Amino acid sequence: LRREEVHQELGLSEEQSKKLQELQASSQTTREQFEENRKKLEAAETDEEKTKIREEFAQGIIKARTAFQDNALTILQDSQRKSLRGLYLTNAGPRGLANEALAKDYGLSEEQIKKISELSSAQRTASRALGFDATDEERDKFSEQWQAKYTSVLTADQKSRFEKELAQAPKPQEEAVAERSDPAAGTTPQGDVP
């Protein structure tokens, strides 16, 4: 929700975008806050004090991000929240279910969360092994294989819900334009009959 392209994909109004920008500005860590934290670290006499200062600062950042996320969702309409979740799942794939809030919402067991976390680690290793020179076909096959591994951890109901929420994501703009301008359907990008 911090990126303009996400606002466009969700179809946010100008007012919604403005509210999100204001919310984001109020939740960002400022240069002054970083400078204040740096000074506290310099003044700290022990490693324990420095560790405590770092932890408190990190917790403040996490608290601000969480507040942004929670408040940002109240700005969205229900359909936009569903689309946002679909976008998240599209980008993260099933490993996104390791997200604490999603895991809770899906009712994942501790064992399922552990398996998804293990798969996520294994996928990162496999991705590095695949390398940057992989073809699009190899990358697509890789993604399909890993998605199957992740979804095998889910119950039938969880898998069905995941697939449904994934389908609610807005289509990438190129696909949407191509779909609207499908000659077989007799439409142009504007949705008019040619």
C-alpha atoms as a PDB file:
ATOM      1  CA  LEU A   1       0.000   0.000   0.000  1.00  0.00           C
ATOM      2  CA  ARG A   2       3.033   2.226   0.040  1.00  0.00           C
ATOM      3  CA  ARG A   3       3.456   2.128  -3.751  1.00  0.00           C
ATOM      4  CA  GLU A   4       1.447   4.099  -6.309  1.00  0.00           C
ATOM      5  CA  GLU A   5       1.163   1.113  -8.671  1.00  0.00           C
ATOM      6  CA  VAL A   6      -0.594  -0.857  -5.930  1.00  0.00           C
ATOM      7  CA  HIS A   7      -3.041   2.025  -5.478  1.00  0.00           C
ATOM      8  CA  GLN A   8      -3.770   1.872  -9.206  1.00  0.00           C
ATOM      9  CA  GLU A   9      -4.174  -1.909  -9.251  1.00  0.00           C
ATOM     10  CA  LEU A  10      -6.624  -1.720  -6.354  1.00  0.00           C
ATOM     11  CA  GLY A  11      -8.538   1.106  -8.006  1.00  0.00           C
ATOM     12  CA  LEU A  12      -8.180   3.493  -5.079  1.00  0.00           C
ATOM     13  CA  SER A  13      -9.846   6.880  -5.281  1.00  0.00           C
ATOM     14  CA  GLU A  14      -7.769  10.055  -5.026  1.00  0.00           C
ATOM     15  CA  GLU A  15      -9.119  10.553  -1.519  1.00  0.00           C
ATOM     16  CA  GLN A  16      -8.080   7.032  -0.454  1.00  0.00           C
ATOM     17  CA  SER A  17      -4.597   7.508  -1.940  1.00  0.00           C
ATOM     18  CA  LYS A  18      -4.217  10.837  -0.173  1.00  0.00           C
ATOM     19  CA  LYS A  19      -5.263   9.328   3.174  1.00  0.00           C
ATOM     20  CA  LEU A  20      -2.787   6.475   2.714  1.00  0.00           C
ATOM     21  CA  GLN A  21       0.020   8.908   1.851  1.00  0.00           C
ATOM     22  CA  GLU A  22      -0.751  10.962   4.966  1.00  0.00           C
ATOM     23  CA  LEU A  23      -0.858   7.820   7.088  1.00  0.00           C
ATOM     24  CA  GLN A  24       2.417   6.635   5.606  1.00  0.00           C
ATOM     25  CA  ALA A  25       4.105   9.981   6.265  1.00  0.00           C
ATOM     26  CA  SER A  26       3.006   9.887   9.895  1.00  0.00           C
ATOM     27  CA  SER A  27       4.298   6.337  10.372  1.00  0.00           C
ATOM     28  CA  GLN A  28       7.739   6.736   8.796  1.00  0.00           C
ATOM     29  CA  THR A  29      10.849   6.945  10.897  1.00  0.00           C
ATOM     30  CA  THR A  30      12.337  10.387  10.436  1.00  0.00           C
ATOM     31  CA  ARG A  31      15.943  11.410   9.972  1.00  0.00           C
ATOM     32  CA  GLU A  32      15.707  13.174  13.346  1.00  0.00           C
ATOM     33  CA  GLN A  33      14.633   9.937  15.037  1.00  0.00           C
ATOM     34  CA  PHE A  34      17.582   8.081  13.491  1.00  0.00           C
ATOM     35  CA  GLU A  35      19.923  10.866  14.594  1.00  0.00           C
ATOM     36  CA  GLU A  36      18.529  10.786  18.135  1.00  0.00           C
ATOM     37  CA  ASN A  37      18.992   7.022  18.230  1.00  0.00           C
ATOM     38  CA  ARG A  38      22.587   7.373  16.966  1.00  0.00           C
ATOM     39  CA  LYS A  39      23.354   9.854  19.755  1.00  0.00           C
ATOM     40  CA  LYS A  40      21.880   7.498  22.358  1.00  0.00           C
ATOM     41  CA  LEU A  41      24.083   4.696  21.027  1.00  0.00           C
ATOM     42  CA  GLU A  42      27.184   6.902  21.194  1.00  0.00           C
ATOM     43  CA  ALA A  43      26.356   7.884  24.781  1.00  0.00           C
ATOM     44  CA  ALA A  44      25.730   4.293  25.857  1.00  0.00           C
ATOM     45  CA  GLU A  45      28.536   2.944  28.002  1.00  0.00           C
ATOM     46  CA  THR A  46      27.932  -0.799  27.827  1.00  0.00           C
ATOM     47  CA  ASP A  47      27.041  -3.316  25.149  1.00  0.00           C
ATOM     48  CA  GLU A  48      23.900  -4.138  27.120  1.00  0.00           C
ATOM     49  CA  GLU A  49      22.786  -0.507  26.963  1.00  0.00           C
ATOM     50  CA  LYS A  50      23.477  -0.398  23.218  1.00  0.00           C
ATOM     51  CA  THR A  51      21.543  -3.612  22.670  1.00  0.00           C
ATOM     52  CA  LYS A  52      18.606  -2.245  24.656  1.00  0.00           C
ATOM     53  CA  ILE A  53      18.624   1.006  22.637  1.00  0.00           C
ATOM     54  CA  ARG A  54      18.736  -0.899  19.331  1.00  0.00           C
ATOM     55  CA  GLU A  55      15.900  -3.202  20.410  1.00  0.00           C
ATOM     56  CA  GLU A  56      13.725  -0.298  21.550  1.00  0.00           C
ATOM     57  CA  PHE A  57      14.310   1.544  18.283  1.00  0.00           C
ATOM     58  CA  ALA A  58      13.531  -1.576  16.246  1.00  0.00           C
ATOM     59  CA  GLN A  59      10.352  -2.134  18.257  1.00  0.00           C
ATOM     60  CA  GLY A  60       9.317   1.459  17.578  1.00  0.00           C
ATOM     61  CA  ILE A  61       9.743   0.919  13.846  1.00  0.00           C
ATOM     62  CA  ILE A  62       7.749  -2.326  13.982  1.00  0.00           C
ATOM     63  CA  LYS A  63       5.027  -0.613  16.005  1.00  0.00           C
ATOM     64  CA  ALA A  64       4.781   2.219  13.450  1.00  0.00           C
ATOM     65  CA  ARG A  65       4.610  -0.247  10.534  1.00  0.00           C
ATOM     66  CA  THR A  66       1.949  -2.302  12.266  1.00  0.00           C
ATOM     67  CA  ALA A  67      -0.083   0.834  12.995  1.00  0.00           C
ATOM     68  CA  PHE A  68       0.201   1.824   9.321  1.00  0.00           C
ATOM     69  CA  GLN A  69      -0.945  -1.608   8.155  1.00  0.00           C
ATOM     70  CA  ASP A  70      -3.856  -1.763  10.574  1.00  0.00           C
ATOM     71  CA  ASN A  71      -5.037   1.783   9.879  1.00  0.00           C
ATOM     72  CA  ALA A  72      -4.468   1.490   6.128  1.00  0.00           C
ATOM     73  CA  LEU A  73      -6.868  -1.428   5.926  1.00  0.00           C
ATOM     74  CA  THR A  74      -9.640   0.733   7.390  1.00  0.00           C
ATOM     75  CA  ILE A  75      -9.300   3.105   4.418  1.00  0.00           C
ATOM     76  CA  LEU A  76      -9.981   0.315   1.921  1.00  0.00           C
ATOM     77  CA  GLN A  77     -13.340  -1.042   0.876  1.00  0.00           C
ATOM     78  CA  ASP A  78     -13.982  -4.736   1.440  1.00  0.00           C
ATOM     79  CA  SER A  79     -13.413  -5.574  -2.239  1.00  0.00           C
ATOM     80  CA  GLN A  80     -10.123  -3.655  -2.181  1.00  0.00           C
ATOM     81  CA  ARG A  81      -8.960  -5.534   0.939  1.00  0.00           C
ATOM     82  CA  LYS A  82      -9.708  -8.813  -0.828  1.00  0.00           C
ATOM     83  CA  SER A  83      -7.804  -7.650  -3.899  1.00  0.00           C
ATOM     84  CA  LEU A  84      -4.888  -6.553  -1.716  1.00  0.00           C
ATOM     85  CA  ARG A  85      -4.703  -9.976  -0.099  1.00  0.00           C
ATOM     86  CA  GLY A  86      -4.800 -11.541  -3.541  1.00  0.00           C
ATOM     87  CA  LEU A  87      -1.938  -9.273  -4.660  1.00  0.00           C
ATOM     88  CA  TYR A  88       0.064 -10.225  -1.585  1.00  0.00           C
ATOM     89  CA  LEU A  89      -0.513 -13.924  -2.185  1.00  0.00           C
ATOM     90  CA  THR A  90       0.303 -13.516  -5.882  1.00  0.00           C
ATOM     91  CA  ASN A  91       3.628 -11.893  -5.027  1.00  0.00           C
ATOM     92  CA  ALA A  92       4.525 -14.061  -2.039  1.00  0.00           C
ATOM     93  CA  GLY A  93       2.896 -17.253  -3.216  1.00  0.00           C
ATOM     94  CA  PRO A  94       1.993 -19.903  -0.656  1.00  0.00           C
ATOM     95  CA  ARG A  95       5.064 -19.044   1.410  1.00  0.00           C
ATOM     96  CA  GLY A  96       3.180 -15.836   2.257  1.00  0.00           C
ATOM     97  CA  LEU A  97       1.117 -18.035   4.556  1.00  0.00           C
ATOM     98  CA  ALA A  98       4.092 -17.949   6.914  1.00  0.00           C
ATOM     99  CA  ASN A  99       2.968 -14.382   7.661  1.00  0.00           C
ATOM    100  CA  GLU A 100       1.706 -14.496  11.247  1.00  0.00           C
ATOM    101  CA  ALA A 101      -1.601 -12.762  10.555  1.00  0.00           C
ATOM    102  CA  LEU A 102      -2.372 -14.920   7.508  1.00  0.00           C
ATOM    103  CA  ALA A 103      -1.351 -18.105   9.294  1.00  0.00           C
ATOM    104  CA  LYS A 104      -3.740 -17.238  12.110  1.00  0.00           C
ATOM    105  CA  ASP A 105      -6.505 -16.247   9.699  1.00  0.00           C
ATOM    106  CA  TYR A 106      -6.117 -19.513   7.787  1.00  0.00           C
ATOM    107  CA  GLY A 107      -6.031 -21.501  11.021  1.00  0.00           C
ATOM    108  CA  LEU A 108      -2.664 -23.070  10.261  1.00  0.00           C
ATOM    109  CA  SER A 109      -1.338 -25.454  12.872  1.00  0.00           C
ATOM    110  CA  GLU A 110       2.125 -25.049  14.398  1.00  0.00           C
ATOM    111  CA  GLU A 111       3.222 -28.035  12.302  1.00  0.00           C
ATOM    112  CA  GLN A 112       1.959 -26.424   9.095  1.00  0.00           C
ATOM    113  CA  ILE A 113       3.703 -23.141   9.932  1.00  0.00           C
ATOM    114  CA  LYS A 114       6.929 -25.036  10.632  1.00  0.00           C
ATOM    115  CA  LYS A 115       6.699 -26.917   7.317  1.00  0.00           C
ATOM    116  CA  ILE A 116       5.987 -23.707   5.361  1.00  0.00           C
ATOM    117  CA  SER A 117       8.974 -22.033   7.018  1.00  0.00           C
ATOM    118  CA  GLU A 118      11.194 -25.003   6.167  1.00  0.00           C
ATOM    119  CA  LEU A 119       9.945 -24.969   2.581  1.00  0.00           C
ATOM    120  CA  SER A 120      10.617 -21.244   2.343  1.00  0.00           C
ATOM    121  CA  SER A 121      14.227 -21.769   3.395  1.00  0.00           C
ATOM    122  CA  ALA A 122      14.644 -24.686   0.980  1.00  0.00           C
ATOM    123  CA  GLN A 123      13.090 -22.634  -1.829  1.00  0.00           C
ATOM    124  CA  ARG A 124      15.574 -19.787  -1.309  1.00  0.00           C
ATOM    125  CA  THR A 125      18.432 -22.273  -1.566  1.00  0.00           C
ATOM    126  CA  ALA A 126      16.934 -23.887  -4.676  1.00  0.00           C
ATOM    127  CA  SER A 127      16.329 -20.465  -6.216  1.00  0.00           C
ATOM    128  CA  ARG A 128      19.999 -19.553  -5.813  1.00  0.00           C
ATOM    129  CA  ALA A 129      20.935 -22.861  -7.427  1.00  0.00           C
ATOM    130  CA  LEU A 130      18.575 -22.158 -10.332  1.00  0.00           C
ATOM    131  CA  GLY A 131      20.536 -18.989 -10.966  1.00  0.00           C
ATOM    132  CA  PHE A 132      19.950 -15.863 -12.980  1.00  0.00           C
ATOM    133  CA  ASP A 133      20.465 -17.555 -16.332  1.00  0.00           C
ATOM    134  CA  ALA A 134      17.347 -19.723 -16.085  1.00  0.00           C
ATOM    135  CA  THR A 135      14.864 -19.392 -18.913  1.00  0.00           C
ATOM    136  CA  ASP A 136      11.319 -18.172 -18.376  1.00  0.00           C
ATOM    137  CA  GLU A 137      10.142 -21.736 -18.924  1.00  0.00           C
ATOM    138  CA  GLU A 138      12.517 -23.027 -16.238  1.00  0.00           C
ATOM    139  CA  ARG A 139      11.387 -20.315 -13.824  1.00  0.00           C
ATOM    140  CA  ASP A 140       7.708 -21.083 -14.475  1.00  0.00           C
ATOM    141  CA  LYS A 141       8.324 -24.789 -13.884  1.00  0.00           C
ATOM    142  CA  PHE A 142      10.261 -23.968 -10.709  1.00  0.00           C
ATOM    143  CA  SER A 143       7.385 -21.811  -9.418  1.00  0.00           C
ATOM    144  CA  GLU A 144       4.784 -24.470 -10.191  1.00  0.00           C
ATOM    145  CA  GLN A 145       6.807 -27.155  -8.411  1.00  0.00           C
ATOM    146  CA  TRP A 146       7.278 -25.039  -5.295  1.00  0.00           C
ATOM    147  CA  GLN A 147       3.664 -23.915  -5.224  1.00  0.00           C
ATOM    148  CA  ALA A 148       2.654 -27.587  -5.261  1.00  0.00           C
ATOM    149  CA  LYS A 149       5.010 -28.293  -2.349  1.00  0.00           C
ATOM    150  CA  TYR A 150       3.578 -25.433  -0.301  1.00  0.00           C
ATOM    151  CA  THR A 151      -0.058 -26.202  -1.018  1.00  0.00           C
ATOM    152  CA  SER A 152       0.490 -29.876  -0.130  1.00  0.00           C
ATOM    153  CA  VAL A 153       0.928 -28.665   3.459  1.00  0.00           C
ATOM    154  CA  LEU A 154      -2.571 -27.137   3.464  1.00  0.00           C
ATOM    155  CA  THR A 155      -5.832 -28.914   4.177  1.00  0.00           C
ATOM    156  CA  ALA A 156      -8.325 -29.136   1.315  1.00  0.00           C
ATOM    157  CA  ASP A 157     -10.324 -26.197   2.759  1.00  0.00           C
ATOM    158  CA  GLN A 158      -7.208 -24.063   3.241  1.00  0.00           C
ATOM    159  CA  LYS A 159      -6.003 -24.840  -0.274  1.00  0.00           C
ATOM    160  CA  SER A 160      -9.406 -23.979  -1.741  1.00  0.00           C
ATOM    161  CA  ARG A 161      -9.457 -20.683   0.152  1.00  0.00           C
ATOM    162  CA  PHE A 162      -5.893 -19.884  -0.933  1.00  0.00           C
ATOM    163  CA  GLU A 163      -6.759 -20.477  -4.583  1.00  0.00           C
ATOM    164  CA  LYS A 164      -9.926 -18.389  -4.265  1.00  0.00           C
ATOM    165  CA  GLU A 165      -8.065 -15.468  -2.683  1.00  0.00           C
ATOM    166  CA  LEU A 166      -5.312 -15.732  -5.269  1.00  0.00           C
ATOM    167  CA  ALA A 167      -7.945 -15.447  -7.994  1.00  0.00           C
ATOM    168  CA  GLN A 168      -9.235 -12.207  -6.430  1.00  0.00           C
ATOM    169  CA  ALA A 169      -5.991 -10.384  -7.150  1.00  0.00           C
ATOM    170  CA  PRO A 170      -6.242  -7.767  -9.857  1.00  0.00           C
ATOM    171  CA  LYS A 171      -4.656  -8.945 -13.071  1.00  0.00           C
ATOM    172  CA  PRO A 172      -1.439  -7.253 -14.134  1.00  0.00           C
ATOM    173  CA  GLN A 173      -2.280  -4.263 -16.315  1.00  0.00           C
ATOM    174  CA  GLU A 174      -0.827  -5.841 -19.466  1.00  0.00           C
ATOM    175  CA  GLU A 175      -3.073  -8.893 -19.078  1.00  0.00           C
ATOM    176  CA  ALA A 176      -6.116  -6.772 -18.314  1.00  0.00           C
ATOM    177  CA  VAL A 177      -5.569  -4.616 -21.417  1.00  0.00           C
ATOM    178  CA  ALA A 178      -4.976  -7.696 -23.579  1.00  0.00           C
ATOM    179  CA  GLU A 179      -8.127  -9.304 -22.199  1.00  0.00           C
ATOM    180  CA  ARG A 180     -10.199  -6.167 -22.852  1.00  0.00           C
ATOM    181  CA  SER A 181      -8.845  -5.935 -26.391  1.00  0.00           C
ATOM    182  CA  ASP A 182      -9.433  -9.574 -27.306  1.00  0.00           C
ATOM    183  CA  PRO A 183     -10.371  -9.587 -31.005  1.00  0.00           C
ATOM    184  CA  ALA A 184     -12.245 -12.861 -30.542  1.00  0.00           C
ATOM    185  CA  ALA A 185     -14.513 -11.121 -28.046  1.00  0.00           C
ATOM    186  CA  GLY A 186     -14.946  -8.163 -30.384  1.00  0.00           C
ATOM    187  CA  THR A 187     -13.686  -5.592 -27.898  1.00  0.00           C
ATOM    188  CA  THR A 188     -11.050  -2.871 -27.880  1.00  0.00           C
ATOM    189  CA  PRO A 189      -8.981  -1.709 -24.889  1.00  0.00           C
ATOM    190  CA  GLN A 190     -11.727   0.764 -24.024  1.00  0.00           C
ATOM    191  CA  GLY A 191     -14.284  -2.030 -23.994  1.00  0.00           C
ATOM    192  CA  ASP A 192     -16.021  -0.676 -27.095  1.00  0.00           C
ATOM    193  CA  VAL A 193     -17.126  -2.801 -29.979  1.00  0.00           C
ATOM    194  CA  PRO A 194     -14.783  -2.044 -32.936  1.00  0.00           C
END
